[in-house]
C-alpha atoms as a PDB file:
ATOM      1  CA  MET A   1       0.000   0.000   0.000  1.00  0.00           C
ATOM      2  CA  THR A   2       1.354   3.421  -0.969  1.00  0.00           C
ATOM      3  CA  ALA A   3       1.604   5.813   1.963  1.00  0.00           C
ATOM      4  CA  ARG A   4      -0.381   9.031   1.558  1.00  0.00           C
ATOM      5  CA  LEU A   5      -0.921  12.269   3.441  1.00  0.00           C
ATOM      6  CA  ALA A   6      -4.353  11.746   4.994  1.00  0.00           C
ATOM      7  CA  HIS A   7      -4.846  14.812   7.226  1.00  0.00           C
ATOM      8  CA  ILE A   8      -3.305  18.245   7.727  1.00  0.00           C
ATOM      9  CA  ARG A   9      -4.172  19.722  11.116  1.00  0.00           C
ATOM     10  CA  ARG A  10      -3.497  23.218  12.414  1.00  0.00           C
ATOM     11  CA  HIS A  11      -4.169  24.606  15.902  1.00  0.00           C
ATOM     12  CA  PRO A  12      -4.336  28.419  15.772  1.00  0.00           C
ATOM     13  CA  ILE A  13      -4.399  28.705  19.587  1.00  0.00           C
ATOM     14  CA  LYS A  14      -2.156  26.435  21.635  1.00  0.00           C
ATOM     15  CA  SER A  15      -4.205  23.668  23.354  1.00  0.00           C
ATOM     16  CA  ILE A  16      -7.483  25.281  22.257  1.00  0.00           C
ATOM     17  CA  GLY A  17      -9.312  23.941  19.209  1.00  0.00           C
ATOM     18  CA  GLY A  18      -7.989  22.852  15.824  1.00  0.00           C
ATOM     19  CA  GLU A  19      -8.880  22.730  12.154  1.00  0.00           C
ATOM     20  CA  GLY A  20      -8.310  20.527   9.130  1.00  0.00           C
ATOM     21  CA  LEU A  21      -6.725  21.860   5.926  1.00  0.00           C
ATOM     22  CA  ASP A  22      -6.665  20.546   2.366  1.00  0.00           C
ATOM     23  CA  ARG A  23      -3.238  21.975   1.544  1.00  0.00           C
ATOM     24  CA  ILE A  24      -0.505  24.194   2.951  1.00  0.00           C
ATOM     25  CA  THR A  25       2.900  25.581   1.985  1.00  0.00           C
ATOM     26  CA  LEU A  26       5.844  24.523   4.132  1.00  0.00           C
ATOM     27  CA  THR A  27       9.107  26.461   4.351  1.00  0.00           C
ATOM     28  CA  ALA A  28      12.547  25.076   5.197  1.00  0.00           C
ATOM     29  CA  ALA A  29      13.409  25.339   8.909  1.00  0.00           C
ATOM     30  CA  ARG A  30       9.948  26.714   9.759  1.00  0.00           C
ATOM     31  CA  ARG A  31       6.980  25.313  11.644  1.00  0.00           C
ATOM     32  CA  LEU A  32       3.618  24.649  10.054  1.00  0.00           C
ATOM     33  CA  PRO A  33       2.243  28.128   9.225  1.00  0.00           C
ATOM     34  CA  GLY A  34      -0.354  29.419  11.675  1.00  0.00           C
ATOM     35  CA  ASP A  35       0.006  26.479  14.063  1.00  0.00           C
ATOM     36  CA  ARG A  36       0.088  27.559  17.737  1.00  0.00           C
ATOM     37  CA  GLU A  37       0.377  31.171  16.610  1.00  0.00           C
ATOM     38  CA  TRP A  38      -1.569  32.221  19.700  1.00  0.00           C
ATOM     39  CA  ALA A  39      -1.646  30.988  23.295  1.00  0.00           C
ATOM     40  CA  VAL A  40      -3.372  31.908  26.563  1.00  0.00           C
ATOM     41  CA  LEU A  41      -1.004  32.883  29.341  1.00  0.00           C
ATOM     42  CA  THR A  42      -1.716  31.984  32.957  1.00  0.00           C
ATOM     43  CA  GLU A  43      -0.906  33.981  36.080  1.00  0.00           C
ATOM     44  CA  ALA A  44       2.164  31.793  36.602  1.00  0.00           C
ATOM     45  CA  GLY A  45       3.239  32.306  33.005  1.00  0.00           C
ATOM     46  CA  GLU A  46       2.987  36.096  33.246  1.00  0.00           C
ATOM     47  CA  ARG A  47       6.180  36.239  35.295  1.00  0.00           C
ATOM     48  CA  ASN A  48       8.152  34.701  32.442  1.00  0.00           C
ATOM     49  CA  ALA A  49       6.345  36.702  29.765  1.00  0.00           C
ATOM     50  CA  GLN A  50       6.872  40.084  31.404  1.00  0.00           C
ATOM     51  CA  ALA A  51      10.593  39.464  31.750  1.00  0.00           C
ATOM     52  CA  SER A  52      10.906  39.765  27.968  1.00  0.00           C
ATOM     53  CA  GLN A  53       8.227  41.461  25.893  1.00  0.00           C
ATOM     54  CA  THR A  54       7.742  44.191  23.321  1.00  0.00           C
ATOM     55  CA  ALA A  55       4.550  46.243  23.056  1.00  0.00           C
ATOM     56  CA  GLY A  56       2.916  43.939  25.584  1.00  0.00           C
ATOM     57  CA  GLN A  57       3.660  40.757  23.628  1.00  0.00           C
ATOM     58  CA  PRO A  58       6.316  38.173  24.602  1.00  0.00           C
ATOM     59  CA  ASP A  59       9.248  38.455  22.206  1.00  0.00           C
ATOM     60  CA  ARG A  60      10.840  35.071  22.852  1.00  0.00           C
ATOM     61  CA  TRP A  61       9.746  31.437  22.998  1.00  0.00           C
ATOM     62  CA  LEU A  62       8.203  30.438  26.339  1.00  0.00           C
ATOM     63  CA  PRO A  63       7.811  26.923  27.788  1.00  0.00           C
ATOM     64  CA  LYS A  64       4.429  25.199  27.773  1.00  0.00           C
ATOM     65  CA  SER A  65       4.113  25.607  31.556  1.00  0.00           C
ATOM     66  CA  CYS A  66       3.349  29.304  30.954  1.00  0.00           C
ATOM     67  CA  PHE A  67       0.095  28.612  29.121  1.00  0.00           C
ATOM     68  CA  VAL A  68      -3.378  27.131  29.362  1.00  0.00           C
ATOM     69  CA  ARG A  69      -3.008  23.407  28.583  1.00  0.00           C
ATOM     70  CA  GLY A  70      -5.284  20.409  28.362  1.00  0.00           C
ATOM     71  CA  VAL A  71      -3.248  18.521  30.957  1.00  0.00           C
ATOM     72  CA  GLN A  72      -4.629  20.952  33.575  1.00  0.00           C
ATOM     73  CA  SER A  73      -8.255  20.724  32.393  1.00  0.00           C
ATOM     74  CA  PRO A  74      -9.729  17.854  30.337  1.00  0.00           C
ATOM     75  CA  GLN A  75     -12.583  20.219  29.416  1.00  0.00           C
ATOM     76  CA  VAL A  76     -10.122  22.322  27.411  1.00  0.00           C
ATOM     77  CA  GLN A  77      -9.306  19.240  25.337  1.00  0.00           C
ATOM     78  CA  ALA A  78     -12.932  19.204  24.132  1.00  0.00           C
ATOM     79  CA  ILE A  79     -12.645  22.634  22.473  1.00  0.00           C
ATOM     80  CA  SER A  80     -12.803  22.459  18.685  1.00  0.00           C
ATOM     81  CA  GLY A  81     -12.757  24.990  15.867  1.00  0.00           C
ATOM     82  CA  GLY A  82     -10.537  27.331  13.897  1.00  0.00           C
ATOM     83  CA  TRP A  83     -10.621  30.142  11.344  1.00  0.00           C
ATOM     84  CA  SER A  84     -13.806  31.120   9.515  1.00  0.00           C
ATOM     85  CA  ASP A  85     -14.100  34.341   7.472  1.00  0.00           C
ATOM     86  CA  GLY A  86     -11.207  35.961   9.306  1.00  0.00           C
ATOM     87  CA  ARG A  87     -12.418  35.153  12.826  1.00  0.00           C
ATOM     88  CA  LEU A  88     -11.816  32.259  15.198  1.00  0.00           C
ATOM     89  CA  VAL A  89     -14.885  30.132  15.899  1.00  0.00           C
ATOM     90  CA  LEU A  90     -14.547  27.906  18.988  1.00  0.00           C
ATOM     91  CA  ARG A  91     -16.928  25.258  20.336  1.00  0.00           C
ATOM     92  CA  GLN A  92     -17.104  23.239  23.546  1.00  0.00           C
ATOM     93  CA  PRO A  93     -19.911  20.877  24.657  1.00  0.00           C
ATOM     94  CA  THR A  94     -20.748  22.829  27.828  1.00  0.00           C
ATOM     95  CA  GLN A  95     -20.308  26.345  26.400  1.00  0.00           C
ATOM     96  CA  VAL A  96     -22.029  28.674  23.965  1.00  0.00           C
ATOM     97  CA  ASP A  97     -19.953  28.967  20.769  1.00  0.00           C
ATOM     98  CA  LEU A  98     -17.394  31.773  20.794  1.00  0.00           C
ATOM     99  CA  VAL A  99     -16.520  33.895  17.738  1.00  0.00           C
ATOM    100  CA  ILE A 100     -13.614  36.324  18.173  1.00  0.00           C
ATOM    101  CA  ASP A 101     -11.009  38.415  16.446  1.00  0.00           C
ATOM    102  CA  PRO A 102      -7.915  37.301  18.399  1.00  0.00           C
ATOM    103  CA  ASP A 103      -6.173  40.639  17.767  1.00  0.00           C
ATOM    104  CA  THR A 104      -8.819  42.602  19.669  1.00  0.00           C
ATOM    105  CA  GLU A 105     -11.048  40.217  21.635  1.00  0.00           C
ATOM    106  CA  GLY A 106      -8.683  38.005  23.623  1.00  0.00           C
ATOM    107  CA  ASP A 107     -10.385  39.051  26.854  1.00  0.00           C
ATOM    108  CA  ARG A 108     -13.593  37.373  25.665  1.00  0.00           C
ATOM    109  CA  LEU A 109     -11.697  34.099  25.199  1.00  0.00           C
ATOM    110  CA  VAL A 110     -10.238  34.332  28.711  1.00  0.00           C
ATOM    111  CA  GLU A 111     -13.726  34.806  30.194  1.00  0.00           C
ATOM    112  CA  TRP A 112     -15.082  31.934  28.073  1.00  0.00           C
ATOM    113  CA  LEU A 113     -12.350  29.646  29.438  1.00  0.00           C
ATOM    114  CA  ARG A 114     -12.915  30.405  33.118  1.00  0.00           C
ATOM    115  CA  PRO A 115     -15.797  27.925  33.672  1.00  0.00           C
ATOM    116  CA  LEU A 116     -13.642  25.194  32.135  1.00  0.00           C
ATOM    117  CA  TRP A 117     -10.669  25.922  34.351  1.00  0.00           C
ATOM    118  CA  PRO A 118     -10.017  24.233  37.742  1.00  0.00           C
ATOM    119  CA  ALA A 119     -10.051  26.560  40.737  1.00  0.00           C
ATOM    120  CA  ASN A 120      -6.745  25.179  42.042  1.00  0.00           C
ATOM    121  CA  ALA A 121      -4.829  25.900  38.796  1.00  0.00           C
ATOM    122  CA  SER A 122      -3.088  29.123  37.826  1.00  0.00           C
ATOM    123  CA  ALA A 123      -5.827  31.200  36.183  1.00  0.00           C
ATOM    124  CA  PRO A 124      -5.814  32.279  32.507  1.00  0.00           C
ATOM    125  CA  THR A 125      -4.909  35.952  32.055  1.00  0.00           C
ATOM    126  CA  ARG A 126      -4.582  36.979  28.380  1.00  0.00           C
ATOM    127  CA  LEU A 127      -4.266  35.813  24.811  1.00  0.00           C
ATOM    128  CA  VAL A 128      -0.828  36.480  23.321  1.00  0.00           C
ATOM    129  CA  ARG A 129       0.631  36.146  19.864  1.00  0.00           C
ATOM    130  CA  GLY A 130       3.998  34.455  19.538  1.00  0.00           C
ATOM    131  CA  ALA A 131       7.239  36.030  18.437  1.00  0.00           C
ATOM    132  CA  ALA A 132       7.908  32.377  17.748  1.00  0.00           C
ATOM    133  CA  ILE A 133       5.098  29.861  17.326  1.00  0.00           C
ATOM    134  CA  TRP A 134       4.039  28.419  20.694  1.00  0.00           C
ATOM    135  CA  THR A 135       4.804  24.754  20.072  1.00  0.00           C
ATOM    136  CA  ASP A 136       5.993  22.668  23.028  1.00  0.00           C
ATOM    137  CA  GLN A 137       9.359  22.248  21.332  1.00  0.00           C
ATOM    138  CA  LYS A 138      11.639  25.245  21.001  1.00  0.00           C
ATOM    139  CA  TRP A 139      12.804  23.984  17.620  1.00  0.00           C
ATOM    140  CA  PRO A 140      10.996  24.544  14.278  1.00  0.00           C
ATOM    141  CA  TRP A 141       9.549  21.051  14.082  1.00  0.00           C
ATOM    142  CA  ILE A 142       6.329  19.601  12.659  1.00  0.00           C
ATOM    143  CA  SER A 143       4.623  16.551  14.163  1.00  0.00           C
ATOM    144  CA  ILE A 144       3.845  13.538  11.971  1.00  0.00           C
ATOM    145  CA  LEU A 145       1.541  10.723  13.105  1.00  0.00           C
ATOM    146  CA  SER A 146       0.433   7.392  11.679  1.00  0.00           C
ATOM    147  CA  LEU A 147      -3.165   6.261  11.235  1.00  0.00           C
ATOM    148  CA  ALA A 148      -1.993   2.624  11.366  1.00  0.00           C
ATOM    149  CA  SER A 149      -0.348   3.178  14.755  1.00  0.00           C
ATOM    150  CA  LEU A 150      -3.531   4.808  16.002  1.00  0.00           C
ATOM    151  CA  ALA A 151      -5.609   1.865  14.746  1.00  0.00           C
ATOM    152  CA  ASP A 152      -3.274  -0.568  16.504  1.00  0.00           C
ATOM    153  CA  LEU A 153      -3.509   1.385  19.762  1.00  0.00           C
ATOM    154  CA  GLU A 154      -7.298   1.552  19.495  1.00  0.00           C
ATOM    155  CA  ALA A 155      -7.494  -2.208  18.870  1.00  0.00           C
ATOM    156  CA  ARG A 156      -5.276  -3.001  21.858  1.00  0.00           C
ATOM    157  CA  THR A 157      -7.070  -0.661  24.253  1.00  0.00           C
ATOM    158  CA  GLY A 158     -10.532  -1.497  22.903  1.00  0.00           C
ATOM    159  CA  GLN A 159     -11.364   2.209  22.599  1.00  0.00           C
ATOM    160  CA  ALA A 160     -11.975   4.655  19.773  1.00  0.00           C
ATOM    161  CA  LEU A 161      -9.438   7.383  20.508  1.00  0.00           C
ATOM    162  CA  GLY A 162      -9.663   9.591  17.419  1.00  0.00           C
ATOM    163  CA  LEU A 163      -7.274  12.113  15.923  1.00  0.00           C
ATOM    164  CA  HIS A 164      -7.871  15.219  17.969  1.00  0.00           C
ATOM    165  CA  ARG A 165      -6.481  14.281  21.380  1.00  0.00           C
ATOM    166  CA  TRP A 166      -3.018  13.993  19.789  1.00  0.00           C
ATOM    167  CA  ARG A 167      -2.981  17.518  18.300  1.00  0.00           C
ATOM    168  CA  GLY A 168      -0.705  16.384  15.468  1.00  0.00           C
ATOM    169  CA  ASN A 169       0.045  18.286  12.267  1.00  0.00           C
ATOM    170  CA  LEU A 170       0.356  15.628   9.545  1.00  0.00           C
ATOM    171  CA  TRP A 171      -1.307  12.195   9.557  1.00  0.00           C
ATOM    172  CA  ILE A 172      -0.009   9.456   7.259  1.00  0.00           C
ATOM    173  CA  ASP A 173      -2.071   6.545   5.928  1.00  0.00           C
ATOM    174  CA  GLY A 174      -0.303   3.451   4.603  1.00  0.00           C
ATOM    175  CA  TRP A 175       2.647   2.886   6.929  1.00  0.00           C
ATOM    176  CA  GLN A 176       2.892  -0.314   8.938  1.00  0.00           C
ATOM    177  CA  PRO A 177       1.902   0.210  12.597  1.00  0.00           C
ATOM    178  CA  TRP A 178       4.694   1.985  14.477  1.00  0.00           C
ATOM    179  CA  ALA A 179       7.026   1.967  11.440  1.00  0.00           C
ATOM    180  CA  GLU A 180       7.580   5.688  12.022  1.00  0.00           C
ATOM    181  CA  ARG A 181       9.631   4.882  15.113  1.00  0.00           C
ATOM    182  CA  ALA A 182      12.432   3.574  12.872  1.00  0.00           C
ATOM    183  CA  LEU A 183      12.654   6.807  10.857  1.00  0.00           C
ATOM    184  CA  ILE A 184      14.664   8.942  13.307  1.00  0.00           C
ATOM    185  CA  GLY A 185      17.482  10.621  11.380  1.00  0.00           C
ATOM    186  CA  GLN A 186      16.015   9.785   7.973  1.00  0.00           C
ATOM    187  CA  VAL A 187      14.572  12.136   5.354  1.00  0.00           C
ATOM    188  CA  ILE A 188      10.997  11.536   4.202  1.00  0.00           C
ATOM    189  CA  SER A 189       9.242  13.142   1.249  1.00  0.00           C
ATOM    190  CA  ILE A 190       5.645  14.324   1.043  1.00  0.00           C
ATOM    191  CA  GLY A 191       5.153  15.195  -2.591  1.00  0.00           C
ATOM    192  CA  SER A 192       8.137  17.424  -3.380  1.00  0.00           C
ATOM    193  CA  VAL A 193       8.679  18.494   0.256  1.00  0.00           C
ATOM    194  CA  GLU A 194      11.485  16.863   2.243  1.00  0.00           C
ATOM    195  CA  LEU A 195      11.535  16.572   6.034  1.00  0.00           C
ATOM    196  CA  ARG A 196      14.255  15.187   8.297  1.00  0.00           C
ATOM    197  CA  VAL A 197      12.858  13.154  11.194  1.00  0.00           C
ATOM    198  CA  THR A 198      14.337  14.403  14.476  1.00  0.00           C
ATOM    199  CA  GLN A 199      12.823  12.527  17.429  1.00  0.00           C
ATOM    200  CA  HIS A 200       9.806  10.765  18.890  1.00  0.00           C
ATOM    201  CA  VAL A 201       6.888  12.744  20.285  1.00  0.00           C
ATOM    202  CA  GLY A 202       6.707  12.071  24.012  1.00  0.00           C
ATOM    203  CA  ARG A 203       3.166  12.293  25.348  1.00  0.00           C
ATOM    204  CA  CYS A 204       1.613  13.867  28.438  1.00  0.00           C
ATOM    205  CA  ALA A 205      -1.548  13.116  30.400  1.00  0.00           C
ATOM    206  CA  ALA A 206      -3.634  15.526  28.279  1.00  0.00           C
ATOM    207  CA  THR A 207      -4.067  12.659  25.801  1.00  0.00           C
ATOM    208  CA  SER A 208      -6.137  10.821  28.412  1.00  0.00           C
ATOM    209  CA  ALA A 209      -9.077  13.166  27.725  1.00  0.00           C
ATOM    210  CA  ASN A 210     -11.911  12.320  25.361  1.00  0.00           C
ATOM    211  CA  THR A 211     -12.123  15.299  23.009  1.00  0.00           C
ATOM    212  CA  ASP A 212     -15.877  14.828  22.504  1.00  0.00           C
ATOM    213  CA  THR A 213     -16.825  14.898  26.192  1.00  0.00           C
ATOM    214  CA  GLY A 214     -13.955  16.682  27.963  1.00  0.00           C
ATOM    215  CA  GLU A 215     -13.676  13.785  30.433  1.00  0.00           C
ATOM    216  CA  ASN A 216     -10.723  11.463  30.982  1.00  0.00           C
ATOM    217  CA  ASP A 217     -11.595   8.052  29.544  1.00  0.00           C
ATOM    218  CA  ILE A 218      -8.196   6.296  29.684  1.00  0.00           C
ATOM    219  CA  ASP A 219      -4.840   6.533  31.426  1.00  0.00           C
ATOM    220  CA  MET A 220      -2.955   7.051  28.178  1.00  0.00           C
ATOM    221  CA  LEU A 221       0.561   7.100  29.572  1.00  0.00           C
ATOM    222  CA  ASP A 222      -0.022   3.889  31.501  1.00  0.00           C
ATOM    223  CA  SER A 223      -1.570   2.263  28.426  1.00  0.00           C
ATOM    224  CA  LEU A 224       1.314   3.202  26.133  1.00  0.00           C
ATOM    225  CA  GLU A 225       3.912   2.045  28.640  1.00  0.00           C
ATOM    226  CA  ARG A 226       2.097  -1.215  29.335  1.00  0.00           C
ATOM    227  CA  LEU A 227       1.429  -2.051  25.685  1.00  0.00           C
ATOM    228  CA  TYR A 228       4.592  -0.768  24.007  1.00  0.00           C
ATOM    229  CA  GLY A 229       7.198  -0.028  26.656  1.00  0.00           C
ATOM    230  CA  HIS A 230       7.277   3.735  25.989  1.00  0.00           C
ATOM    231  CA  THR A 231       5.015   6.788  26.183  1.00  0.00           C
ATOM    232  CA  ASP A 232       5.598   8.140  22.657  1.00  0.00           C
ATOM    233  CA  PHE A 233       3.107   8.636  19.857  1.00  0.00           C
ATOM    234  CA  GLY A 234       4.295  10.182  16.602  1.00  0.00           C
ATOM    235  CA  ILE A 235       7.521  11.763  15.373  1.00  0.00           C
ATOM    236  CA  PHE A 236       8.877  15.265  14.933  1.00  0.00           C
ATOM    237  CA  ALA A 237      10.486  16.405  11.694  1.00  0.00           C
ATOM    238  CA  GLU A 238      12.137  19.547  10.358  1.00  0.00           C
ATOM    239  CA  VAL A 239      11.399  20.818   6.852  1.00  0.00           C
ATOM    240  CA  VAL A 240      14.553  20.536   4.711  1.00  0.00           C
ATOM    241  CA  THR A 241      13.095  21.399   1.308  1.00  0.00           C
ATOM    242  CA  GLY A 242       9.937  23.491   1.340  1.00  0.00           C
ATOM    243  CA  GLY A 243       6.955  23.545  -0.998  1.00  0.00           C
ATOM    244  CA  ASP A 244       3.251  22.823  -1.208  1.00  0.00           C
ATOM    245  CA  ILE A 245       1.671  19.714   0.286  1.00  0.00           C
ATOM    246  CA  SER A 246      -1.898  18.521  -0.255  1.00  0.00           C
ATOM    247  CA  LEU A 247      -4.134  15.724   0.987  1.00  0.00           C
ATOM    248  CA  GLY A 248      -3.407  12.562  -0.972  1.00  0.00           C
ATOM    249  CA  ASP A 249       0.256  13.365  -1.664  1.00  0.00           C
ATOM    250  CA  GLU A 250       2.500  10.318  -1.757  1.00  0.00           C
ATOM    251  CA  VAL A 251       4.820   9.840   1.233  1.00  0.00           C
ATOM    252  CA  THR A 252       8.171   8.095   0.790  1.00  0.00           C
ATOM    253  CA  ALA A 253      11.024   7.363   3.184  1.00  0.00           C
END
């Protein structure tokens, strides 16, 4: 079976929502455009942000601990949505839909998040745009995941887990289950674009949340360790040769 690009996923706000794309242009040594361009700081994160900012916006990469994350609230994992007609449209099962311009209405997002946020966690404060994109990794990497590995994990756990809890960028159909783990250091091609695989994607407890309900439905880290002897799912890669990619493009290693 020929491997193909099955899904392109972008998450305009870190940990909050996500959208599918038909095509996108990748640039060498750059992240996926528009992915994690925004993030919601917390009170704890403000201390790091204010140490280095220009015009009220952080001007350097900040660690994930500074931001609202699904690991602190499973309900955040159930937020879906992305861009529509120049505005962000966000949905969550327990909330009224939110439509905002992130440049001017970040305070509305912060208020919308408060009912989803645990009282004992550092509270959300403001929506910020990144000087660098707010991925967990400091490096300009893109995440690549395998539908066959997901199907194998779902079969072994007896649960439908879906795509969204993993918050990956590119999903590949046609690899053997877990074959991606052997690609570290190799260059893969998606159409005319070349990417060098850098390392495995280590997972956190946020992946235990069902993205339809906002409730934890599995201990994902325990399941991965018990079934496979590690807590990874997916690989990171850096774009070596840029260009356009589209759904259905052939993937070769």
